[in-house]
Structures are given as C-alpha cells and as structure tokens.
Amino acid sequence: MRTITTPAQIGAILATRRKHLKLSQAAVAEQVGLSQNRLSVLEANPSALDTKKLLTWLNALGLEMTLGERATSKPKVEW
C-alpha cells in the first residue's frame, strides 16, 4: 500500500501499473472511456481527474483506493 500526498504520485502509479501490465495507453483509455491522448495528459497531470474516472481507471488496472486516517502520533524519543 502506498501513501499518496500529491496528484503527481497518482499519475506515476497509474502509468507504472499500466506498463507493468503491458497495456498501451490506447487499451486503458478504451476501458476508461477516454481518448488515448486524454489519458496521456491525465497520466502527466492527474489533478484534472474526476473521482468517477479515477475509480474506473483504478478498476481497469486492477487497483483499489483505500482511505484512512493519517497517523498523527509522533515517534517516541527515548533517552
């Protein structure tokens, strides 16, 4: 599981997973309902992705999204 704190990380994860599965942008774009060109743009700039498309894209790549509370405890320092 990865912690994501920036939109750029989402794009990198989506592109890496797509390549790992040996899928072309065109193949994933067809499953997601986008053009290959638009998918390419969104891999580079995922901040323009809406939630519905993101979830569809994740499903197409066999990924899921889990949300949880951020760990807020500070590490204990022992002397």
PDB file of N, CA and C in Angstrom:
ATOM      1  N   MET A   1       0.841  -1.162   0.000  1.00  0.00           N
ATOM      2  CA  MET A   1       0.000   0.000   0.000  1.00  0.00           C
ATOM      3  C   MET A   1       0.897   1.239   0.000  1.00  0.00           C
ATOM      4  N   ARG A   2       0.487   2.243  -0.739  1.00  0.00           N
ATOM      5  CA  ARG A   2       1.278   3.459  -0.845  1.00  0.00           C
ATOM      6  C   ARG A   2       0.519   4.639  -0.255  1.00  0.00           C
ATOM      7  N   THR A   3       1.251   5.532   0.357  1.00  0.00           N
ATOM      8  CA  THR A   3       0.674   6.773   0.838  1.00  0.00           C
ATOM      9  C   THR A   3       0.807   7.806  -0.272  1.00  0.00           C
ATOM     10  N   ILE A   4      -0.306   8.424  -0.618  1.00  0.00           N
ATOM     11  CA  ILE A   4      -0.312   9.415  -1.692  1.00  0.00           C
ATOM     12  C   ILE A   4      -0.604  10.774  -1.082  1.00  0.00           C
ATOM     13  N   THR A   5       0.270  11.727  -1.381  1.00  0.00           N
ATOM     14  CA  THR A   5       0.091  13.081  -0.851  1.00  0.00           C
ATOM     15  C   THR A   5       0.030  14.149  -1.946  1.00  0.00           C
ATOM     16  N   THR A   6       0.299  13.753  -3.204  1.00  0.00           N
ATOM     17  CA  THR A   6       0.245  14.720  -4.300  1.00  0.00           C
ATOM     18  C   THR A   6      -0.428  14.094  -5.521  1.00  0.00           C
ATOM     19  N   PRO A   7      -1.061  14.905  -6.366  1.00  0.00           N
ATOM     20  CA  PRO A   7      -1.644  14.377  -7.602  1.00  0.00           C
ATOM     21  C   PRO A   7      -0.605  13.706  -8.504  1.00  0.00           C
ATOM     22  N   ALA A   8       0.598  14.224  -8.542  1.00  0.00           N
ATOM     23  CA  ALA A   8       1.637  13.645  -9.401  1.00  0.00           C
ATOM     24  C   ALA A   8       1.907  12.189  -9.051  1.00  0.00           C
ATOM     25  N   GLN A   9       1.803  11.842  -7.780  1.00  0.00           N
ATOM     26  CA  GLN A   9       2.014  10.460  -7.369  1.00  0.00           C
ATOM     27  C   GLN A   9       0.940   9.548  -7.968  1.00  0.00           C
ATOM     28  N   ILE A  10      -0.281  10.030  -8.071  1.00  0.00           N
ATOM     29  CA  ILE A  10      -1.359   9.241  -8.664  1.00  0.00           C
ATOM     30  C   ILE A  10      -1.030   8.932 -10.121  1.00  0.00           C
ATOM     31  N   GLY A  11      -0.620   9.933 -10.863  1.00  0.00           N
ATOM     32  CA  GLY A  11      -0.259   9.730 -12.268  1.00  0.00           C
ATOM     33  C   GLY A  11       0.868   8.738 -12.430  1.00  0.00           C
ATOM     34  N   ALA A  12       1.871   8.834 -11.578  1.00  0.00           N
ATOM     35  CA  ALA A  12       3.009   7.922 -11.652  1.00  0.00           C
ATOM     36  C   ALA A  12       2.582   6.490 -11.346  1.00  0.00           C
ATOM     37  N   ILE A  13       1.730   6.309 -10.360  1.00  0.00           N
ATOM     38  CA  ILE A  13       1.245   4.973 -10.006  1.00  0.00           C
ATOM     39  C   ILE A  13       0.424   4.390 -11.150  1.00  0.00           C
ATOM     40  N   LEU A  14      -0.460   5.190 -11.734  1.00  0.00           N
ATOM     41  CA  LEU A  14      -1.286   4.705 -12.843  1.00  0.00           C
ATOM     42  C   LEU A  14      -0.429   4.314 -14.045  1.00  0.00           C
ATOM     43  N   ALA A  15       0.533   5.135 -14.382  1.00  0.00           N
ATOM     44  CA  ALA A  15       1.404   4.841 -15.527  1.00  0.00           C
ATOM     45  C   ALA A  15       2.273   3.618 -15.264  1.00  0.00           C
ATOM     46  N   THR A  16       2.829   3.517 -14.072  1.00  0.00           N
ATOM     47  CA  THR A  16       3.683   2.381 -13.726  1.00  0.00           C
ATOM     48  C   THR A  16       2.899   1.076 -13.761  1.00  0.00           C
ATOM     49  N   ARG A  17       1.689   1.094 -13.216  1.00  0.00           N
ATOM     50  CA  ARG A  17       0.854  -0.110 -13.206  1.00  0.00           C
ATOM     51  C   ARG A  17       0.474  -0.514 -14.636  1.00  0.00           C
ATOM     52  N   ARG A  18       0.119   0.474 -15.447  1.00  0.00           N
ATOM     53  CA  ARG A  18      -0.242   0.197 -16.840  1.00  0.00           C
ATOM     54  C   ARG A  18       0.919  -0.477 -17.559  1.00  0.00           C
ATOM     55  N   LYS A  19       2.107   0.057 -17.377  1.00  0.00           N
ATOM     56  CA  LYS A  19       3.293  -0.511 -18.025  1.00  0.00           C
ATOM     57  C   LYS A  19       3.607  -1.903 -17.481  1.00  0.00           C
ATOM     58  N   HIS A  20       3.435  -2.088 -16.175  1.00  0.00           N
ATOM     59  CA  HIS A  20       3.668  -3.392 -15.563  1.00  0.00           C
ATOM     60  C   HIS A  20       2.744  -4.452 -16.174  1.00  0.00           C
ATOM     61  N   LEU A  21       1.507  -4.054 -16.451  1.00  0.00           N
ATOM     62  CA  LEU A  21       0.536  -4.967 -17.065  1.00  0.00           C
ATOM     63  C   LEU A  21       0.728  -5.086 -18.574  1.00  0.00           C
ATOM     64  N   LYS A  22       1.697  -4.333 -19.098  1.00  0.00           N
ATOM     65  CA  LYS A  22       1.986  -4.314 -20.541  1.00  0.00           C
ATOM     66  C   LYS A  22       0.766  -3.896 -21.363  1.00  0.00           C
ATOM     67  N   LEU A  23       0.074  -2.882 -20.849  1.00  0.00           N
ATOM     68  CA  LEU A  23      -1.083  -2.327 -21.543  1.00  0.00           C
ATOM     69  C   LEU A  23      -0.699  -1.004 -22.186  1.00  0.00           C
ATOM     70  N   SER A  24      -1.193  -0.765 -23.371  1.00  0.00           N
ATOM     71  CA  SER A  24      -0.958   0.523 -24.028  1.00  0.00           C
ATOM     72  C   SER A  24      -1.907   1.565 -23.441  1.00  0.00           C
ATOM     73  N   GLN A  25      -1.555   2.813 -23.654  1.00  0.00           N
ATOM     74  CA  GLN A  25      -2.463   3.883 -23.243  1.00  0.00           C
ATOM     75  C   GLN A  25      -3.791   3.747 -23.969  1.00  0.00           C
ATOM     76  N   ALA A  26      -3.760   3.364 -25.222  1.00  0.00           N
ATOM     77  CA  ALA A  26      -4.984   3.218 -26.009  1.00  0.00           C
ATOM     78  C   ALA A  26      -5.893   2.139 -25.424  1.00  0.00           C
ATOM     79  N   ALA A  27      -5.328   1.021 -24.984  1.00  0.00           N
ATOM     80  CA  ALA A  27      -6.125  -0.068 -24.413  1.00  0.00           C
ATOM     81  C   ALA A  27      -6.796   0.362 -23.118  1.00  0.00           C
ATOM     82  N   VAL A  28      -6.048   1.042 -22.250  1.00  0.00           N
ATOM     83  CA  VAL A  28      -6.623   1.510 -20.980  1.00  0.00           C
ATOM     84  C   VAL A  28      -7.634   2.615 -21.243  1.00  0.00           C
ATOM     85  N   ALA A  29      -7.316   3.512 -22.156  1.00  0.00           N
ATOM     86  CA  ALA A  29      -8.230   4.616 -22.473  1.00  0.00           C
ATOM     87  C   ALA A  29      -9.579   4.086 -22.934  1.00  0.00           C
ATOM     88  N   GLU A  30      -9.581   3.036 -23.721  1.00  0.00           N
ATOM     89  CA  GLU A  30     -10.836   2.451 -24.202  1.00  0.00           C
ATOM     90  C   GLU A  30     -11.670   1.924 -23.033  1.00  0.00           C
ATOM     91  N   GLN A  31     -11.018   1.269 -22.076  1.00  0.00           N
ATOM     92  CA  GLN A  31     -11.724   0.733 -20.904  1.00  0.00           C
ATOM     93  C   GLN A  31     -12.271   1.845 -20.010  1.00  0.00           C
ATOM     94  N   VAL A  32     -11.549   2.954 -19.955  1.00  0.00           N
ATOM     95  CA  VAL A  32     -11.918   4.059 -19.073  1.00  0.00           C
ATOM     96  C   VAL A  32     -12.919   5.012 -19.739  1.00  0.00           C
ATOM     97  N   GLY A  33     -12.985   4.962 -21.068  1.00  0.00           N
ATOM     98  CA  GLY A  33     -13.893   5.854 -21.781  1.00  0.00           C
ATOM     99  C   GLY A  33     -13.265   7.192 -22.121  1.00  0.00           C
ATOM    100  N   LEU A  34     -11.969   7.160 -22.392  1.00  0.00           N
ATOM    101  CA  LEU A  34     -11.227   8.366 -22.760  1.00  0.00           C
ATOM    102  C   LEU A  34     -10.511   8.120 -24.081  1.00  0.00           C
ATOM    103  N   SER A  35     -10.047   9.193 -24.695  1.00  0.00           N
ATOM    104  CA  SER A  35      -9.166   9.033 -25.851  1.00  0.00           C
ATOM    105  C   SER A  35      -7.759   8.739 -25.334  1.00  0.00           C
ATOM    106  N   GLN A  36      -6.941   8.157 -26.171  1.00  0.00           N
ATOM    107  CA  GLN A  36      -5.549   7.872 -25.775  1.00  0.00           C
ATOM    108  C   GLN A  36      -4.838   9.162 -25.437  1.00  0.00           C
ATOM    109  N   ASN A  37      -5.104  10.205 -26.196  1.00  0.00           N
ATOM    110  CA  ASN A  37      -4.458  11.499 -25.963  1.00  0.00           C
ATOM    111  C   ASN A  37      -4.838  12.059 -24.590  1.00  0.00           C
ATOM    112  N   ARG A  38      -6.116  11.965 -24.226  1.00  0.00           N
ATOM    113  CA  ARG A  38      -6.581  12.481 -22.930  1.00  0.00           C
ATOM    114  C   ARG A  38      -5.981  11.668 -21.786  1.00  0.00           C
ATOM    115  N   LEU A  39      -5.906  10.347 -21.962  1.00  0.00           N
ATOM    116  CA  LEU A  39      -5.308   9.505 -20.932  1.00  0.00           C
ATOM    117  C   LEU A  39      -3.840   9.886 -20.727  1.00  0.00           C
ATOM    118  N   SER A  40      -3.145  10.148 -21.803  1.00  0.00           N
ATOM    119  CA  SER A  40      -1.749  10.560 -21.723  1.00  0.00           C
ATOM    120  C   SER A  40      -1.603  11.858 -20.930  1.00  0.00           C
ATOM    121  N   VAL A  41      -2.477  12.800 -21.212  1.00  0.00           N
ATOM    122  CA  VAL A  41      -2.453  14.088 -20.499  1.00  0.00           C
ATOM    123  C   VAL A  41      -2.718  13.868 -19.011  1.00  0.00           C
ATOM    124  N   LEU A  42      -3.691  13.008 -18.693  1.00  0.00           N
ATOM    125  CA  LEU A  42      -4.039  12.780 -17.291  1.00  0.00           C
ATOM    126  C   LEU A  42      -2.972  12.007 -16.530  1.00  0.00           C
ATOM    127  N   GLU A  43      -2.241  11.132 -17.212  1.00  0.00           N
ATOM    128  CA  GLU A  43      -1.122  10.469 -16.538  1.00  0.00           C
ATOM    129  C   GLU A  43      -0.074  11.503 -16.122  1.00  0.00           C
ATOM    130  N   ALA A  44       0.125  12.505 -16.957  1.00  0.00           N
ATOM    131  CA  ALA A  44       1.111  13.549 -16.668  1.00  0.00           C
ATOM    132  C   ALA A  44       0.572  14.614 -15.716  1.00  0.00           C
ATOM    133  N   ASN A  45      -0.749  14.838 -15.734  1.00  0.00           N
ATOM    134  CA  ASN A  45      -1.367  15.875 -14.906  1.00  0.00           C
ATOM    135  C   ASN A  45      -2.678  15.349 -14.317  1.00  0.00           C
ATOM    136  N   PRO A  46      -2.599  14.435 -13.350  1.00  0.00           N
ATOM    137  CA  PRO A  46      -3.808  13.804 -12.818  1.00  0.00           C
ATOM    138  C   PRO A  46      -4.682  14.706 -11.951  1.00  0.00           C
ATOM    139  N   SER A  47      -4.254  15.919 -11.684  1.00  0.00           N
ATOM    140  CA  SER A  47      -5.078  16.807 -10.863  1.00  0.00           C
ATOM    141  C   SER A  47      -6.381  17.173 -11.575  1.00  0.00           C
ATOM    142  N   ALA A  48      -6.445  16.954 -12.885  1.00  0.00           N
ATOM    143  CA  ALA A  48      -7.662  17.231 -13.641  1.00  0.00           C
ATOM    144  C   ALA A  48      -8.611  16.029 -13.677  1.00  0.00           C
ATOM    145  N   LEU A  49      -8.260  14.936 -13.017  1.00  0.00           N
ATOM    146  CA  LEU A  49      -9.079  13.725 -13.000  1.00  0.00           C
ATOM    147  C   LEU A  49     -10.258  13.879 -12.052  1.00  0.00           C
ATOM    148  N   ASP A  50     -11.445  13.482 -12.500  1.00  0.00           N
ATOM    149  CA  ASP A  50     -12.568  13.476 -11.561  1.00  0.00           C
ATOM    150  C   ASP A  50     -12.625  12.109 -10.875  1.00  0.00           C
ATOM    151  N   THR A  51     -13.335  12.035  -9.781  1.00  0.00           N
ATOM    152  CA  THR A  51     -13.372  10.827  -8.964  1.00  0.00           C
ATOM    153  C   THR A  51     -13.913   9.632  -9.738  1.00  0.00           C
ATOM    154  N   LYS A  52     -14.964   9.827 -10.516  1.00  0.00           N
ATOM    155  CA  LYS A  52     -15.561   8.732 -11.269  1.00  0.00           C
ATOM    156  C   LYS A  52     -14.556   8.132 -12.252  1.00  0.00           C
ATOM    157  N   LYS A  53     -13.849   8.968 -12.978  1.00  0.00           N
ATOM    158  CA  LYS A  53     -12.847   8.481 -13.937  1.00  0.00           C
ATOM    159  C   LYS A  53     -11.686   7.803 -13.208  1.00  0.00           C
ATOM    160  N   LEU A  54     -11.270   8.373 -12.086  1.00  0.00           N
ATOM    161  CA  LEU A  54     -10.185   7.772 -11.315  1.00  0.00           C
ATOM    162  C   LEU A  54     -10.564   6.361 -10.884  1.00  0.00           C
ATOM    163  N   LEU A  55     -11.754   6.181 -10.334  1.00  0.00           N
ATOM    164  CA  LEU A  55     -12.181   4.868  -9.882  1.00  0.00           C
ATOM    165  C   LEU A  55     -12.315   3.886 -11.043  1.00  0.00           C
ATOM    166  N   THR A  56     -12.814   4.348 -12.179  1.00  0.00           N
ATOM    167  CA  THR A  56     -12.909   3.496 -13.367  1.00  0.00           C
ATOM    168  C   THR A  56     -11.521   3.073 -13.821  1.00  0.00           C
ATOM    169  N   TRP A  57     -10.598   4.014 -13.814  1.00  0.00           N
ATOM    170  CA  TRP A  57      -9.215   3.760 -14.219  1.00  0.00           C
ATOM    171  C   TRP A  57      -8.562   2.751 -13.271  1.00  0.00           C
ATOM    172  N   LEU A  58      -8.756   2.950 -11.965  1.00  0.00           N
ATOM    173  CA  LEU A  58      -8.198   2.023 -10.987  1.00  0.00           C
ATOM    174  C   LEU A  58      -8.725   0.615 -11.225  1.00  0.00           C
ATOM    175  N   ASN A  59     -10.031   0.496 -11.465  1.00  0.00           N
ATOM    176  CA  ASN A  59     -10.631  -0.817 -11.732  1.00  0.00           C
ATOM    177  C   ASN A  59     -10.036  -1.451 -12.984  1.00  0.00           C
ATOM    178  N   ALA A  60      -9.824  -0.665 -14.012  1.00  0.00           N
ATOM    179  CA  ALA A  60      -9.264  -1.184 -15.266  1.00  0.00           C
ATOM    180  C   ALA A  60      -7.854  -1.736 -15.062  1.00  0.00           C
ATOM    181  N   LEU A  61      -7.140  -1.204 -14.081  1.00  0.00           N
ATOM    182  CA  LEU A  61      -5.769  -1.639 -13.810  1.00  0.00           C
ATOM    183  C   LEU A  61      -5.685  -2.635 -12.654  1.00  0.00           C
ATOM    184  N   GLY A  62      -6.845  -3.040 -12.124  1.00  0.00           N
ATOM    185  CA  GLY A  62      -6.843  -3.990 -11.016  1.00  0.00           C
ATOM    186  C   GLY A  62      -6.357  -3.397  -9.712  1.00  0.00           C
ATOM    187  N   LEU A  63      -6.591  -2.098  -9.535  1.00  0.00           N
ATOM    188  CA  LEU A  63      -6.181  -1.403  -8.317  1.00  0.00           C
ATOM    189  C   LEU A  63      -7.423  -0.977  -7.539  1.00  0.00           C
ATOM    190  N   GLU A  64      -7.239  -0.669  -6.278  1.00  0.00           N
ATOM    191  CA  GLU A  64      -8.318  -0.121  -5.469  1.00  0.00           C
ATOM    192  C   GLU A  64      -7.782   1.030  -4.639  1.00  0.00           C
ATOM    193  N   MET A  65      -8.682   1.858  -4.161  1.00  0.00           N
ATOM    194  CA  MET A  65      -8.293   3.002  -3.344  1.00  0.00           C
ATOM    195  C   MET A  65      -8.857   2.800  -1.945  1.00  0.00           C
ATOM    196  N   THR A  66      -8.023   2.987  -0.952  1.00  0.00           N
ATOM    197  CA  THR A  66      -8.427   2.881   0.439  1.00  0.00           C
ATOM    198  C   THR A  66      -8.078   4.195   1.121  1.00  0.00           C
ATOM    199  N   LEU A  67      -9.011   4.711   1.879  1.00  0.00           N
ATOM    200  CA  LEU A  67      -8.771   5.938   2.632  1.00  0.00           C
ATOM    201  C   LEU A  67      -8.743   5.616   4.115  1.00  0.00           C
ATOM    202  N   GLY A  68      -7.916   6.315   4.836  1.00  0.00           N
ATOM    203  CA  GLY A  68      -7.835   6.112   6.275  1.00  0.00           C
ATOM    204  C   GLY A  68      -7.278   7.350   6.943  1.00  0.00           C
ATOM    205  N   GLU A  69      -7.360   7.341   8.234  1.00  0.00           N
ATOM    206  CA  GLU A  69      -6.827   8.477   8.988  1.00  0.00           C
ATOM    207  C   GLU A  69      -5.313   8.475   8.919  1.00  0.00           C
ATOM    208  N   ARG A  70      -4.781   9.667   8.790  1.00  0.00           N
ATOM    209  CA  ARG A  70      -3.334   9.844   8.767  1.00  0.00           C
ATOM    210  C   ARG A  70      -2.786   9.610  10.170  1.00  0.00           C
ATOM    211  N   ALA A  71      -1.684   8.915  10.242  1.00  0.00           N
ATOM    212  CA  ALA A  71      -1.026   8.701  11.527  1.00  0.00           C
ATOM    213  C   ALA A  71      -0.569  10.047  12.064  1.00  0.00           C
ATOM    214  N   THR A  72      -0.973  10.363  13.275  1.00  0.00           N
ATOM    215  CA  THR A  72      -0.630  11.668  13.844  1.00  0.00           C
ATOM    216  C   THR A  72       0.308  11.559  15.038  1.00  0.00           C
ATOM    217  N   SER A  73       0.543  10.353  15.499  1.00  0.00           N
ATOM    218  CA  SER A  73       1.390  10.234  16.661  1.00  0.00           C
ATOM    219  C   SER A  73       2.842  10.496  16.303  1.00  0.00           C
ATOM    220  N   LYS A  74       3.499  11.192  17.156  1.00  0.00           N
ATOM    221  CA  LYS A  74       4.912  11.492  16.971  1.00  0.00           C
ATOM    222  C   LYS A  74       5.733  10.330  17.503  1.00  0.00           C
ATOM    223  N   PRO A  75       6.821  10.021  16.831  1.00  0.00           N
ATOM    224  CA  PRO A  75       7.642   8.906  17.345  1.00  0.00           C
ATOM    225  C   PRO A  75       8.194   9.223  18.725  1.00  0.00           C
ATOM    226  N   LYS A  76       8.231   8.209  19.560  1.00  0.00           N
ATOM    227  CA  LYS A  76       8.755   8.387  20.913  1.00  0.00           C
ATOM    228  C   LYS A  76      10.272   8.460  20.863  1.00  0.00           C
ATOM    229  N   VAL A  77      10.797   9.404  21.587  1.00  0.00           N
ATOM    230  CA  VAL A  77      12.252   9.533  21.687  1.00  0.00           C
ATOM    231  C   VAL A  77      12.635   9.073  23.094  1.00  0.00           C
ATOM    232  N   GLU A  78      13.442   8.055  23.138  1.00  0.00           N
ATOM    233  CA  GLU A  78      13.879   7.558  24.432  1.00  0.00           C
ATOM    234  C   GLU A  78      15.321   7.933  24.646  1.00  0.00           C
ATOM    235  N   TRP A  79      15.606   8.382  25.831  1.00  0.00           N
ATOM    236  CA  TRP A  79      16.958   8.837  26.150  1.00  0.00           C
ATOM    237  C   TRP A  79      17.688   7.802  26.925  1.00  0.00           C
TER     238      TRP A  79
END
